[in-house]
């Protein structure tokens, strides 16, 4: 991990997010645009997860339930090709998620660096 200070004096730590795992990001005045997708191939060991009323539209809660870390919310969406959580991540929908061991050894092992986003 790289640790440095930003313009406001806060520590900025490079972590395991989709913004530091490769690809490109477009920087707008109010948001960062990200549309490059990494191909994530399904496996027989993947788990099925039924979205409940408590977890609908909340990929962060699904990531926490599955991996113990809400930071993997991006993976929940990208693995299932979900773009609109209001329409595609609703109660009763069944999604597929890689096991924790496959997440760590296969899907996230192919880091390509990432781009620095200026603030």
C-alpha atoms as a PDB file:
ATOM      1  CA  UNK A   1       0.000   0.000   0.000  1.00  0.00           C
ATOM      2  CA  UNK A   2       1.119   3.522  -0.734  1.00  0.00           C
ATOM      3  CA  UNK A   3       0.537   6.180   1.884  1.00  0.00           C
ATOM      4  CA  UNK A   4       0.703   9.896   1.057  1.00  0.00           C
ATOM      5  CA  UNK A   5      -1.062  13.145   1.925  1.00  0.00           C
ATOM      6  CA  UNK A   6      -3.532  14.917  -0.319  1.00  0.00           C
ATOM      7  CA  UNK A   7      -3.950  18.718  -0.694  1.00  0.00           C
ATOM      8  CA  UNK A   8      -5.983  18.942   2.507  1.00  0.00           C
ATOM      9  CA  UNK A   9      -3.387  17.067   4.550  1.00  0.00           C
ATOM     10  CA  UNK A  10      -5.344  13.815   4.883  1.00  0.00           C
ATOM     11  CA  UNK A  11      -3.601  10.496   4.414  1.00  0.00           C
ATOM     12  CA  UNK A  12      -4.517   8.824   1.141  1.00  0.00           C
ATOM     13  CA  UNK A  13      -4.084   5.058   1.184  1.00  0.00           C
ATOM     14  CA  UNK A  14      -4.165   2.947  -1.958  1.00  0.00           C
ATOM     15  CA  UNK A  15      -6.570   0.083  -1.261  1.00  0.00           C
ATOM     16  CA  UNK A  16      -8.225  -2.806  -3.062  1.00  0.00           C
ATOM     17  CA  UNK A  17     -10.959  -1.007  -4.951  1.00  0.00           C
ATOM     18  CA  UNK A  18     -11.991  -1.209  -8.567  1.00  0.00           C
ATOM     19  CA  UNK A  19     -10.300   2.151  -9.127  1.00  0.00           C
ATOM     20  CA  UNK A  20      -6.883   0.775  -8.176  1.00  0.00           C
ATOM     21  CA  UNK A  21      -7.324  -2.669  -9.751  1.00  0.00           C
ATOM     22  CA  UNK A  22      -6.754  -1.516 -13.321  1.00  0.00           C
ATOM     23  CA  UNK A  23      -8.691   0.074 -16.117  1.00  0.00           C
ATOM     24  CA  UNK A  24      -9.385   3.725 -16.639  1.00  0.00           C
ATOM     25  CA  UNK A  25     -11.576   6.268 -14.913  1.00  0.00           C
ATOM     26  CA  UNK A  26     -13.025   9.513 -16.234  1.00  0.00           C
ATOM     27  CA  UNK A  27     -12.978  12.345 -13.718  1.00  0.00           C
ATOM     28  CA  UNK A  28     -15.920  14.748 -13.717  1.00  0.00           C
ATOM     29  CA  UNK A  29     -16.522  17.666 -11.370  1.00  0.00           C
ATOM     30  CA  UNK A  30     -18.860  15.707  -9.096  1.00  0.00           C
ATOM     31  CA  UNK A  31     -18.082  12.038  -9.770  1.00  0.00           C
ATOM     32  CA  UNK A  32     -15.717   9.478 -11.201  1.00  0.00           C
ATOM     33  CA  UNK A  33     -17.010   7.569 -14.235  1.00  0.00           C
ATOM     34  CA  UNK A  34     -16.095   3.902 -14.518  1.00  0.00           C
ATOM     35  CA  UNK A  35     -17.356   1.668 -17.285  1.00  0.00           C
ATOM     36  CA  UNK A  36     -14.515  -0.657 -18.196  1.00  0.00           C
ATOM     37  CA  UNK A  37     -15.432  -4.141 -17.081  1.00  0.00           C
ATOM     38  CA  UNK A  38     -13.136  -7.005 -16.263  1.00  0.00           C
ATOM     39  CA  UNK A  39     -14.361 -10.355 -17.549  1.00  0.00           C
ATOM     40  CA  UNK A  40     -15.259 -12.501 -14.556  1.00  0.00           C
ATOM     41  CA  UNK A  41     -15.891 -16.098 -15.499  1.00  0.00           C
ATOM     42  CA  UNK A  42     -18.325 -18.183 -13.470  1.00  0.00           C
ATOM     43  CA  UNK A  43     -17.159 -21.351 -11.778  1.00  0.00           C
ATOM     44  CA  UNK A  44     -18.952 -24.421 -10.417  1.00  0.00           C
ATOM     45  CA  UNK A  45     -17.879 -23.407  -6.902  1.00  0.00           C
ATOM     46  CA  UNK A  46     -19.645 -20.034  -7.063  1.00  0.00           C
ATOM     47  CA  UNK A  47     -22.449 -19.449  -4.573  1.00  0.00           C
ATOM     48  CA  UNK A  48     -26.002 -18.333  -5.223  1.00  0.00           C
ATOM     49  CA  UNK A  49     -27.331 -15.435  -3.150  1.00  0.00           C
ATOM     50  CA  UNK A  50     -31.020 -14.559  -2.974  1.00  0.00           C
ATOM     51  CA  UNK A  51     -31.537 -10.827  -2.509  1.00  0.00           C
ATOM     52  CA  UNK A  52     -33.888 -10.111   0.409  1.00  0.00           C
ATOM     53  CA  UNK A  53     -35.879  -7.032   1.365  1.00  0.00           C
ATOM     54  CA  UNK A  54     -33.038  -6.131   3.753  1.00  0.00           C
ATOM     55  CA  UNK A  55     -30.360  -6.339   1.059  1.00  0.00           C
ATOM     56  CA  UNK A  56     -32.198  -5.069  -2.031  1.00  0.00           C
ATOM     57  CA  UNK A  57     -30.400  -2.135  -3.665  1.00  0.00           C
ATOM     58  CA  UNK A  58     -27.543  -2.631  -1.152  1.00  0.00           C
ATOM     59  CA  UNK A  59     -24.561  -4.329  -2.798  1.00  0.00           C
ATOM     60  CA  UNK A  60     -22.490  -3.191   0.192  1.00  0.00           C
ATOM     61  CA  UNK A  61     -24.600  -5.331   2.550  1.00  0.00           C
ATOM     62  CA  UNK A  62     -24.418  -8.310   0.209  1.00  0.00           C
ATOM     63  CA  UNK A  63     -20.629  -7.914   0.054  1.00  0.00           C
ATOM     64  CA  UNK A  64     -20.464  -7.693   3.844  1.00  0.00           C
ATOM     65  CA  UNK A  65     -22.668 -10.792   4.252  1.00  0.00           C
ATOM     66  CA  UNK A  66     -20.596 -12.753   1.741  1.00  0.00           C
ATOM     67  CA  UNK A  67     -17.027 -11.499   2.217  1.00  0.00           C
ATOM     68  CA  UNK A  68     -17.120  -9.614   5.517  1.00  0.00           C
ATOM     69  CA  UNK A  69     -16.180  -6.375   3.754  1.00  0.00           C
ATOM     70  CA  UNK A  70     -18.570  -3.846   2.165  1.00  0.00           C
ATOM     71  CA  UNK A  71     -15.719  -2.600  -0.047  1.00  0.00           C
ATOM     72  CA  UNK A  72     -16.436  -5.539  -2.391  1.00  0.00           C
ATOM     73  CA  UNK A  73     -19.814  -4.055  -3.374  1.00  0.00           C
ATOM     74  CA  UNK A  74     -18.334  -3.280  -6.796  1.00  0.00           C
ATOM     75  CA  UNK A  75     -17.608  -6.997  -7.255  1.00  0.00           C
ATOM     76  CA  UNK A  76     -21.221  -7.958  -6.476  1.00  0.00           C
ATOM     77  CA  UNK A  77     -22.374  -5.609  -9.228  1.00  0.00           C
ATOM     78  CA  UNK A  78     -19.693  -6.314 -11.784  1.00  0.00           C
ATOM     79  CA  UNK A  79     -19.766 -10.123 -11.391  1.00  0.00           C
ATOM     80  CA  UNK A  80     -23.510 -10.075 -12.118  1.00  0.00           C
ATOM     81  CA  UNK A  81     -23.320  -7.347 -14.757  1.00  0.00           C
ATOM     82  CA  UNK A  82     -25.651  -5.112 -12.737  1.00  0.00           C
ATOM     83  CA  UNK A  83     -25.796  -1.490 -13.839  1.00  0.00           C
ATOM     84  CA  UNK A  84     -29.007  -0.251 -12.193  1.00  0.00           C
ATOM     85  CA  UNK A  85     -29.420  -1.406  -8.586  1.00  0.00           C
ATOM     86  CA  UNK A  86     -32.954   0.022  -8.460  1.00  0.00           C
ATOM     87  CA  UNK A  87     -34.132  -2.338 -11.196  1.00  0.00           C
ATOM     88  CA  UNK A  88     -31.706  -5.260 -11.088  1.00  0.00           C
ATOM     89  CA  UNK A  89     -30.874  -5.755  -7.393  1.00  0.00           C
ATOM     90  CA  UNK A  90     -34.323  -6.179  -5.890  1.00  0.00           C
ATOM     91  CA  UNK A  91     -35.877  -8.630  -3.449  1.00  0.00           C
ATOM     92  CA  UNK A  92     -36.296 -12.140  -4.847  1.00  0.00           C
ATOM     93  CA  UNK A  93     -33.539 -11.903  -7.460  1.00  0.00           C
ATOM     94  CA  UNK A  94     -30.876 -14.620  -7.309  1.00  0.00           C
ATOM     95  CA  UNK A  95     -27.313 -13.536  -8.071  1.00  0.00           C
ATOM     96  CA  UNK A  96     -24.115 -15.550  -8.310  1.00  0.00           C
ATOM     97  CA  UNK A  97     -20.988 -14.734  -6.294  1.00  0.00           C
ATOM     98  CA  UNK A  98     -17.517 -16.253  -6.252  1.00  0.00           C
ATOM     99  CA  UNK A  99     -16.384 -17.966  -3.068  1.00  0.00           C
ATOM    100  CA  UNK A 100     -14.034 -16.036  -0.792  1.00  0.00           C
ATOM    101  CA  UNK A 101     -11.111 -18.280  -1.699  1.00  0.00           C
ATOM    102  CA  UNK A 102     -11.701 -17.827  -5.421  1.00  0.00           C
ATOM    103  CA  UNK A 103     -12.110 -14.082  -4.943  1.00  0.00           C
ATOM    104  CA  UNK A 104      -8.684 -13.794  -3.355  1.00  0.00           C
ATOM    105  CA  UNK A 105      -6.757 -16.269  -5.490  1.00  0.00           C
ATOM    106  CA  UNK A 106      -8.213 -15.833  -8.961  1.00  0.00           C
ATOM    107  CA  UNK A 107     -10.310 -12.731  -9.528  1.00  0.00           C
ATOM    108  CA  UNK A 108      -8.254 -10.124  -7.681  1.00  0.00           C
ATOM    109  CA  UNK A 109      -4.842 -11.634  -8.382  1.00  0.00           C
ATOM    110  CA  UNK A 110      -4.619  -9.996 -11.803  1.00  0.00           C
ATOM    111  CA  UNK A 111      -4.065  -6.436 -10.628  1.00  0.00           C
ATOM    112  CA  UNK A 112      -2.886  -4.129 -13.369  1.00  0.00           C
ATOM    113  CA  UNK A 113      -2.119  -1.088 -11.249  1.00  0.00           C
ATOM    114  CA  UNK A 114      -4.674   1.585 -11.888  1.00  0.00           C
ATOM    115  CA  UNK A 115      -4.673   5.264 -12.626  1.00  0.00           C
ATOM    116  CA  UNK A 116      -4.114   8.079 -10.193  1.00  0.00           C
ATOM    117  CA  UNK A 117      -7.162  10.291  -9.866  1.00  0.00           C
ATOM    118  CA  UNK A 118      -6.367  13.901  -9.048  1.00  0.00           C
ATOM    119  CA  UNK A 119      -8.656  15.658  -6.560  1.00  0.00           C
END
